[in-house]
């Protein structure tokens, strides 16, 4: 067999469409996961036992089951509970829920890293809990958790390959479909690796940019 790059060039439109779907579902799932994760982390830290207990069960349940099983339950099992979603919204919801518990643990560790003396001083000054989170804890924790946050975002990028199982026309589904039609599996799988390499590299570059920006911001704050 001879490596044939025209297999890729002849299907560039389909591959580009799949790349954009992957990028869109990934970014939407990350945003949803970060928002849910922050809410879960705040509820865990500041909520009472009646709130913390079910959240802990939820976190352990999501962390202990494969993402593929969760995706099947959302898409195929959802209608049994009145949740009927199209493939792309189901994929975004699945990614968001899956990532939220890991983001929640990252945020929780970041909140815990802020010295308790600062929180006690804020309480003595009459600063509200919301102001304390926004003005004191959040800026400091971002410096600490940013590498872990970027790492989890990268993990979610690679998990988008699973979305093809619920017929989302993302990069993996498009390229495996081309491979099945043309029997050019080497070319299509190589292109799939390149596509995810591009996405991961974009995420890595964004992480380095954010680390520099946050570092400069914190250095100005401490002057």
C-alpha atoms as a PDB file:
ATOM      1  CA  UNK A   1       0.000   0.000   0.000  1.00  0.00           C
ATOM      2  CA  UNK A   2       1.196   3.519  -0.867  1.00  0.00           C
ATOM      3  CA  UNK A   3       0.585   6.564   1.309  1.00  0.00           C
ATOM      4  CA  UNK A   4      -1.852   8.757  -0.616  1.00  0.00           C
ATOM      5  CA  UNK A   5      -2.187  12.368   0.622  1.00  0.00           C
ATOM      6  CA  UNK A   6      -4.913  13.079  -1.940  1.00  0.00           C
ATOM      7  CA  UNK A   7      -7.294  11.137   0.293  1.00  0.00           C
ATOM      8  CA  UNK A   8      -6.997  14.044   2.721  1.00  0.00           C
ATOM      9  CA  UNK A   9      -6.966  16.874   0.196  1.00  0.00           C
ATOM     10  CA  UNK A  10     -10.057  15.509  -1.551  1.00  0.00           C
ATOM     11  CA  UNK A  11     -12.023  15.637   1.722  1.00  0.00           C
ATOM     12  CA  UNK A  12     -10.707  18.893   3.219  1.00  0.00           C
ATOM     13  CA  UNK A  13     -14.185  20.453   3.433  1.00  0.00           C
ATOM     14  CA  UNK A  14     -15.552  17.530   5.456  1.00  0.00           C
ATOM     15  CA  UNK A  15     -12.442  17.444   7.664  1.00  0.00           C
ATOM     16  CA  UNK A  16     -12.661  21.196   8.278  1.00  0.00           C
ATOM     17  CA  UNK A  17     -16.325  20.869   9.219  1.00  0.00           C
ATOM     18  CA  UNK A  18     -15.508  18.060  11.652  1.00  0.00           C
ATOM     19  CA  UNK A  19     -12.686  20.118  13.154  1.00  0.00           C
ATOM     20  CA  UNK A  20     -15.040  23.047  13.781  1.00  0.00           C
ATOM     21  CA  UNK A  21     -17.651  20.767  15.378  1.00  0.00           C
ATOM     22  CA  UNK A  22     -14.961  19.326  17.657  1.00  0.00           C
ATOM     23  CA  UNK A  23     -13.756  22.822  18.573  1.00  0.00           C
ATOM     24  CA  UNK A  24     -17.305  24.032  19.240  1.00  0.00           C
ATOM     25  CA  UNK A  25     -18.395  21.102  21.402  1.00  0.00           C
ATOM     26  CA  UNK A  26     -15.103  21.152  23.294  1.00  0.00           C
ATOM     27  CA  UNK A  27     -15.176  24.877  24.077  1.00  0.00           C
ATOM     28  CA  UNK A  28     -18.879  24.792  25.015  1.00  0.00           C
ATOM     29  CA  UNK A  29     -18.350  21.755  27.241  1.00  0.00           C
ATOM     30  CA  UNK A  30     -15.383  23.418  28.943  1.00  0.00           C
ATOM     31  CA  UNK A  31     -17.354  26.608  29.672  1.00  0.00           C
ATOM     32  CA  UNK A  32     -20.273  24.584  31.062  1.00  0.00           C
ATOM     33  CA  UNK A  33     -17.919  22.419  33.120  1.00  0.00           C
ATOM     34  CA  UNK A  34     -16.094  25.406  34.623  1.00  0.00           C
ATOM     35  CA  UNK A  35     -19.342  27.152  35.569  1.00  0.00           C
ATOM     36  CA  UNK A  36     -20.817  24.007  37.132  1.00  0.00           C
ATOM     37  CA  UNK A  37     -17.506  23.181  38.790  1.00  0.00           C
ATOM     38  CA  UNK A  38     -17.271  26.611  40.404  1.00  0.00           C
ATOM     39  CA  UNK A  39     -20.846  26.341  41.712  1.00  0.00           C
ATOM     40  CA  UNK A  40     -20.165  22.864  43.104  1.00  0.00           C
ATOM     41  CA  UNK A  41     -16.915  24.000  44.753  1.00  0.00           C
ATOM     42  CA  UNK A  42     -18.542  27.031  46.389  1.00  0.00           C
ATOM     43  CA  UNK A  43     -21.480  24.913  47.585  1.00  0.00           C
ATOM     44  CA  UNK A  44     -19.093  22.340  49.035  1.00  0.00           C
ATOM     45  CA  UNK A  45     -17.071  24.904  50.934  1.00  0.00           C
ATOM     46  CA  UNK A  46     -19.801  27.207  52.167  1.00  0.00           C
ATOM     47  CA  UNK A  47     -22.862  24.921  52.144  1.00  0.00           C
ATOM     48  CA  UNK A  48     -24.175  22.900  55.060  1.00  0.00           C
ATOM     49  CA  UNK A  49     -24.062  19.114  55.407  1.00  0.00           C
ATOM     50  CA  UNK A  50     -27.375  18.669  53.576  1.00  0.00           C
ATOM     51  CA  UNK A  51     -25.821  20.283  50.502  1.00  0.00           C
ATOM     52  CA  UNK A  52     -22.321  18.811  50.774  1.00  0.00           C
ATOM     53  CA  UNK A  53     -23.380  15.170  51.165  1.00  0.00           C
ATOM     54  CA  UNK A  54     -25.300  14.781  47.872  1.00  0.00           C
ATOM     55  CA  UNK A  55     -22.648  16.783  46.026  1.00  0.00           C
ATOM     56  CA  UNK A  56     -19.951  14.418  47.315  1.00  0.00           C
ATOM     57  CA  UNK A  57     -22.008  11.430  46.123  1.00  0.00           C
ATOM     58  CA  UNK A  58     -22.433  13.097  42.724  1.00  0.00           C
ATOM     59  CA  UNK A  59     -18.702  13.793  42.424  1.00  0.00           C
ATOM     60  CA  UNK A  60     -17.715  10.246  43.317  1.00  0.00           C
ATOM     61  CA  UNK A  61     -20.329   8.812  40.954  1.00  0.00           C
ATOM     62  CA  UNK A  62     -19.084  10.825  37.977  1.00  0.00           C
ATOM     63  CA  UNK A  63     -15.425  10.178  38.771  1.00  0.00           C
ATOM     64  CA  UNK A  64     -15.994   6.440  39.174  1.00  0.00           C
ATOM     65  CA  UNK A  65     -17.781   5.816  35.873  1.00  0.00           C
ATOM     66  CA  UNK A  66     -16.375   6.036  32.324  1.00  0.00           C
ATOM     67  CA  UNK A  67     -17.280   9.047  30.222  1.00  0.00           C
ATOM     68  CA  UNK A  68     -18.601   6.726  27.507  1.00  0.00           C
ATOM     69  CA  UNK A  69     -21.185   5.249  29.906  1.00  0.00           C
ATOM     70  CA  UNK A  70     -22.259   8.721  31.039  1.00  0.00           C
ATOM     71  CA  UNK A  71     -22.649   9.820  27.426  1.00  0.00           C
ATOM     72  CA  UNK A  72     -24.832   6.816  26.647  1.00  0.00           C
ATOM     73  CA  UNK A  73     -27.021   7.597  29.673  1.00  0.00           C
ATOM     74  CA  UNK A  74     -27.446  11.254  28.669  1.00  0.00           C
ATOM     75  CA  UNK A  75     -28.232  10.599  25.002  1.00  0.00           C
ATOM     76  CA  UNK A  76     -29.936   7.208  24.951  1.00  0.00           C
ATOM     77  CA  UNK A  77     -31.245   7.094  28.519  1.00  0.00           C
ATOM     78  CA  UNK A  78     -32.271  10.743  28.764  1.00  0.00           C
ATOM     79  CA  UNK A  79     -35.657  10.316  27.037  1.00  0.00           C
ATOM     80  CA  UNK A  80     -36.679   7.861  29.785  1.00  0.00           C
ATOM     81  CA  UNK A  81     -36.398  10.769  32.239  1.00  0.00           C
ATOM     82  CA  UNK A  82     -37.918  13.404  29.950  1.00  0.00           C
ATOM     83  CA  UNK A  83     -34.538  14.656  28.697  1.00  0.00           C
ATOM     84  CA  UNK A  84     -34.535  14.325  24.914  1.00  0.00           C
ATOM     85  CA  UNK A  85     -31.558  16.076  23.311  1.00  0.00           C
ATOM     86  CA  UNK A  86     -30.038  16.226  19.861  1.00  0.00           C
ATOM     87  CA  UNK A  87     -26.533  14.741  19.559  1.00  0.00           C
ATOM     88  CA  UNK A  88     -24.537  17.991  19.840  1.00  0.00           C
ATOM     89  CA  UNK A  89     -26.395  19.407  22.912  1.00  0.00           C
ATOM     90  CA  UNK A  90     -26.164  15.944  24.518  1.00  0.00           C
ATOM     91  CA  UNK A  91     -22.433  15.862  23.847  1.00  0.00           C
ATOM     92  CA  UNK A  92     -21.905  19.329  25.301  1.00  0.00           C
ATOM     93  CA  UNK A  93     -23.946  18.432  28.384  1.00  0.00           C
ATOM     94  CA  UNK A  94     -22.045  15.168  28.797  1.00  0.00           C
ATOM     95  CA  UNK A  95     -18.660  16.906  28.522  1.00  0.00           C
ATOM     96  CA  UNK A  96     -19.752  19.676  30.882  1.00  0.00           C
ATOM     97  CA  UNK A  97     -21.043  17.341  33.588  1.00  0.00           C
ATOM     98  CA  UNK A  98     -18.032  15.030  33.275  1.00  0.00           C
ATOM     99  CA  UNK A  99     -15.576  17.909  33.531  1.00  0.00           C
ATOM    100  CA  UNK A 100     -17.473  19.772  36.255  1.00  0.00           C
ATOM    101  CA  UNK A 101     -16.539  17.379  39.064  1.00  0.00           C
ATOM    102  CA  UNK A 102     -12.837  17.603  38.212  1.00  0.00           C
ATOM    103  CA  UNK A 103     -13.007  21.375  37.899  1.00  0.00           C
ATOM    104  CA  UNK A 104     -14.852  21.445  41.247  1.00  0.00           C
ATOM    105  CA  UNK A 105     -12.003  19.577  42.954  1.00  0.00           C
ATOM    106  CA  UNK A 106      -9.457  21.905  41.363  1.00  0.00           C
ATOM    107  CA  UNK A 107     -11.377  24.984  42.530  1.00  0.00           C
ATOM    108  CA  UNK A 108     -11.889  23.518  45.996  1.00  0.00           C
ATOM    109  CA  UNK A 109      -8.165  22.904  46.422  1.00  0.00           C
ATOM    110  CA  UNK A 110      -7.526  26.447  45.218  1.00  0.00           C
ATOM    111  CA  UNK A 111      -9.939  27.920  47.766  1.00  0.00           C
ATOM    112  CA  UNK A 112      -8.316  25.859  50.525  1.00  0.00           C
ATOM    113  CA  UNK A 113      -4.869  27.143  49.551  1.00  0.00           C
ATOM    114  CA  UNK A 114      -5.711  30.717  50.593  1.00  0.00           C
ATOM    115  CA  UNK A 115      -4.482  31.418  54.117  1.00  0.00           C
ATOM    116  CA  UNK A 116      -7.296  31.316  56.679  1.00  0.00           C
ATOM    117  CA  UNK A 117      -5.886  34.427  58.354  1.00  0.00           C
ATOM    118  CA  UNK A 118      -6.866  36.491  55.325  1.00  0.00           C
ATOM    119  CA  UNK A 119     -10.440  35.201  55.522  1.00  0.00           C
ATOM    120  CA  UNK A 120     -10.642  35.986  59.228  1.00  0.00           C
ATOM    121  CA  UNK A 121      -9.317  39.502  58.584  1.00  0.00           C
ATOM    122  CA  UNK A 122     -11.911  40.001  55.839  1.00  0.00           C
ATOM    123  CA  UNK A 123     -14.652  38.864  58.205  1.00  0.00           C
ATOM    124  CA  UNK A 124     -13.473  41.328  60.856  1.00  0.00           C
ATOM    125  CA  UNK A 125     -13.597  44.124  58.289  1.00  0.00           C
ATOM    126  CA  UNK A 126     -17.215  43.286  57.470  1.00  0.00           C
ATOM    127  CA  UNK A 127     -16.511  41.999  53.960  1.00  0.00           C
ATOM    128  CA  UNK A 128     -19.329  39.783  52.726  1.00  0.00           C
ATOM    129  CA  UNK A 129     -18.752  36.167  51.748  1.00  0.00           C
ATOM    130  CA  UNK A 130     -19.330  36.889  48.067  1.00  0.00           C
ATOM    131  CA  UNK A 131     -16.893  39.819  48.136  1.00  0.00           C
ATOM    132  CA  UNK A 132     -14.371  37.626  49.936  1.00  0.00           C
ATOM    133  CA  UNK A 133     -14.598  34.990  47.201  1.00  0.00           C
ATOM    134  CA  UNK A 134     -14.400  37.512  44.361  1.00  0.00           C
ATOM    135  CA  UNK A 135     -11.818  39.967  45.737  1.00  0.00           C
ATOM    136  CA  UNK A 136      -9.572  37.786  47.934  1.00  0.00           C
ATOM    137  CA  UNK A 137      -9.794  34.079  47.216  1.00  0.00           C
ATOM    138  CA  UNK A 138     -10.397  33.957  43.467  1.00  0.00           C
ATOM    139  CA  UNK A 139      -7.402  36.103  42.353  1.00  0.00           C
ATOM    140  CA  UNK A 140      -4.975  34.176  44.550  1.00  0.00           C
ATOM    141  CA  UNK A 141      -6.270  30.710  43.710  1.00  0.00           C
ATOM    142  CA  UNK A 142      -6.092  31.329  39.958  1.00  0.00           C
ATOM    143  CA  UNK A 143      -2.306  31.511  40.120  1.00  0.00           C
ATOM    144  CA  UNK A 144      -2.154  28.164  41.925  1.00  0.00           C
ATOM    145  CA  UNK A 145      -4.762  26.190  39.974  1.00  0.00           C
ATOM    146  CA  UNK A 146      -4.094  27.455  36.441  1.00  0.00           C
ATOM    147  CA  UNK A 147      -1.742  24.585  35.412  1.00  0.00           C
ATOM    148  CA  UNK A 148      -4.207  21.965  36.699  1.00  0.00           C
ATOM    149  CA  UNK A 149      -7.065  23.838  35.028  1.00  0.00           C
ATOM    150  CA  UNK A 150      -5.316  23.861  31.641  1.00  0.00           C
ATOM    151  CA  UNK A 151      -4.461  20.185  32.045  1.00  0.00           C
ATOM    152  CA  UNK A 152      -8.127  19.292  32.624  1.00  0.00           C
ATOM    153  CA  UNK A 153      -9.209  21.376  29.633  1.00  0.00           C
ATOM    154  CA  UNK A 154      -6.706  19.401  27.535  1.00  0.00           C
ATOM    155  CA  UNK A 155      -8.144  16.124  28.842  1.00  0.00           C
ATOM    156  CA  UNK A 156     -11.633  17.228  27.773  1.00  0.00           C
ATOM    157  CA  UNK A 157     -10.261  18.035  24.321  1.00  0.00           C
ATOM    158  CA  UNK A 158      -9.170  14.424  23.861  1.00  0.00           C
ATOM    159  CA  UNK A 159     -12.442  13.123  25.299  1.00  0.00           C
ATOM    160  CA  UNK A 160     -14.297  14.708  22.381  1.00  0.00           C
ATOM    161  CA  UNK A 161     -13.225  11.688  20.317  1.00  0.00           C
ATOM    162  CA  UNK A 162     -15.821   9.673  22.257  1.00  0.00           C
ATOM    163  CA  UNK A 163     -18.626  11.940  21.005  1.00  0.00           C
ATOM    164  CA  UNK A 164     -18.656  10.121  17.674  1.00  0.00           C
ATOM    165  CA  UNK A 165     -20.414   7.249  19.448  1.00  0.00           C
ATOM    166  CA  UNK A 166     -23.612   9.331  19.618  1.00  0.00           C
ATOM    167  CA  UNK A 167     -23.351  10.346  15.950  1.00  0.00           C
ATOM    168  CA  UNK A 168     -21.872  13.811  16.454  1.00  0.00           C
ATOM    169  CA  UNK A 169     -20.079  14.635  13.162  1.00  0.00           C
ATOM    170  CA  UNK A 170     -16.862  15.711  14.845  1.00  0.00           C
ATOM    171  CA  UNK A 171     -13.304  15.098  13.664  1.00  0.00           C
ATOM    172  CA  UNK A 172     -13.047  11.455  14.747  1.00  0.00           C
ATOM    173  CA  UNK A 173     -16.344  10.450  13.158  1.00  0.00           C
ATOM    174  CA  UNK A 174     -15.578  12.275   9.901  1.00  0.00           C
ATOM    175  CA  UNK A 175     -12.096  10.803   9.494  1.00  0.00           C
ATOM    176  CA  UNK A 176     -13.055   7.262  10.486  1.00  0.00           C
ATOM    177  CA  UNK A 177     -15.930   7.512   8.003  1.00  0.00           C
ATOM    178  CA  UNK A 178     -13.506   8.563   5.247  1.00  0.00           C
ATOM    179  CA  UNK A 179     -11.197   5.712   6.232  1.00  0.00           C
ATOM    180  CA  UNK A 180     -14.042   3.194   6.024  1.00  0.00           C
ATOM    181  CA  UNK A 181     -15.030   4.437   2.568  1.00  0.00           C
ATOM    182  CA  UNK A 182     -11.535   4.567   1.075  1.00  0.00           C
ATOM    183  CA  UNK A 183      -9.717   1.952   3.221  1.00  0.00           C
ATOM    184  CA  UNK A 184      -7.026   4.607   3.727  1.00  0.00           C
ATOM    185  CA  UNK A 185      -6.825   4.190   7.487  1.00  0.00           C
ATOM    186  CA  UNK A 186      -3.191   5.270   7.799  1.00  0.00           C
ATOM    187  CA  UNK A 187      -3.831   8.611   6.126  1.00  0.00           C
ATOM    188  CA  UNK A 188      -7.033   9.346   8.034  1.00  0.00           C
ATOM    189  CA  UNK A 189      -5.684   8.294  11.434  1.00  0.00           C
ATOM    190  CA  UNK A 190      -2.550  10.357  10.872  1.00  0.00           C
ATOM    191  CA  UNK A 191      -4.730  13.353  10.037  1.00  0.00           C
ATOM    192  CA  UNK A 192      -6.772  12.684  13.173  1.00  0.00           C
ATOM    193  CA  UNK A 193      -3.584  12.780  15.261  1.00  0.00           C
ATOM    194  CA  UNK A 194      -2.561  16.051  13.598  1.00  0.00           C
ATOM    195  CA  UNK A 195      -6.002  17.556  14.261  1.00  0.00           C
ATOM    196  CA  UNK A 196      -5.880  16.787  17.969  1.00  0.00           C
ATOM    197  CA  UNK A 197      -2.253  17.877  18.143  1.00  0.00           C
ATOM    198  CA  UNK A 198      -3.329  21.281  16.814  1.00  0.00           C
ATOM    199  CA  UNK A 199      -6.136  21.539  19.397  1.00  0.00           C
ATOM    200  CA  UNK A 200      -3.904  20.517  22.297  1.00  0.00           C
ATOM    201  CA  UNK A 201      -1.165  22.900  21.158  1.00  0.00           C
ATOM    202  CA  UNK A 202      -3.697  25.755  21.013  1.00  0.00           C
ATOM    203  CA  UNK A 203      -4.762  24.918  24.559  1.00  0.00           C
ATOM    204  CA  UNK A 204      -1.148  24.772  25.724  1.00  0.00           C
ATOM    205  CA  UNK A 205      -0.333  28.142  24.148  1.00  0.00           C
ATOM    206  CA  UNK A 206      -3.421  29.687  25.714  1.00  0.00           C
ATOM    207  CA  UNK A 207      -2.385  28.284  29.095  1.00  0.00           C
ATOM    208  CA  UNK A 208       1.094  29.795  28.843  1.00  0.00           C
ATOM    209  CA  UNK A 209      -0.400  33.140  27.825  1.00  0.00           C
ATOM    210  CA  UNK A 210      -2.807  33.108  30.786  1.00  0.00           C
ATOM    211  CA  UNK A 211      -0.031  32.125  33.205  1.00  0.00           C
ATOM    212  CA  UNK A 212       2.030  35.115  32.077  1.00  0.00           C
ATOM    213  CA  UNK A 213      -0.943  37.482  32.324  1.00  0.00           C
ATOM    214  CA  UNK A 214      -1.962  36.258  35.764  1.00  0.00           C
ATOM    215  CA  UNK A 215       1.655  36.383  36.939  1.00  0.00           C
ATOM    216  CA  UNK A 216       2.017  40.000  35.777  1.00  0.00           C
ATOM    217  CA  UNK A 217      -1.288  40.939  37.402  1.00  0.00           C
ATOM    218  CA  UNK A 218      -0.281  39.405  40.740  1.00  0.00           C
ATOM    219  CA  UNK A 219       3.157  41.061  40.645  1.00  0.00           C
ATOM    220  CA  UNK A 220       1.488  44.468  40.184  1.00  0.00           C
ATOM    221  CA  UNK A 221      -0.917  43.735  43.032  1.00  0.00           C
ATOM    222  CA  UNK A 222       1.921  42.947  45.461  1.00  0.00           C
ATOM    223  CA  UNK A 223       3.917  46.111  44.737  1.00  0.00           C
END
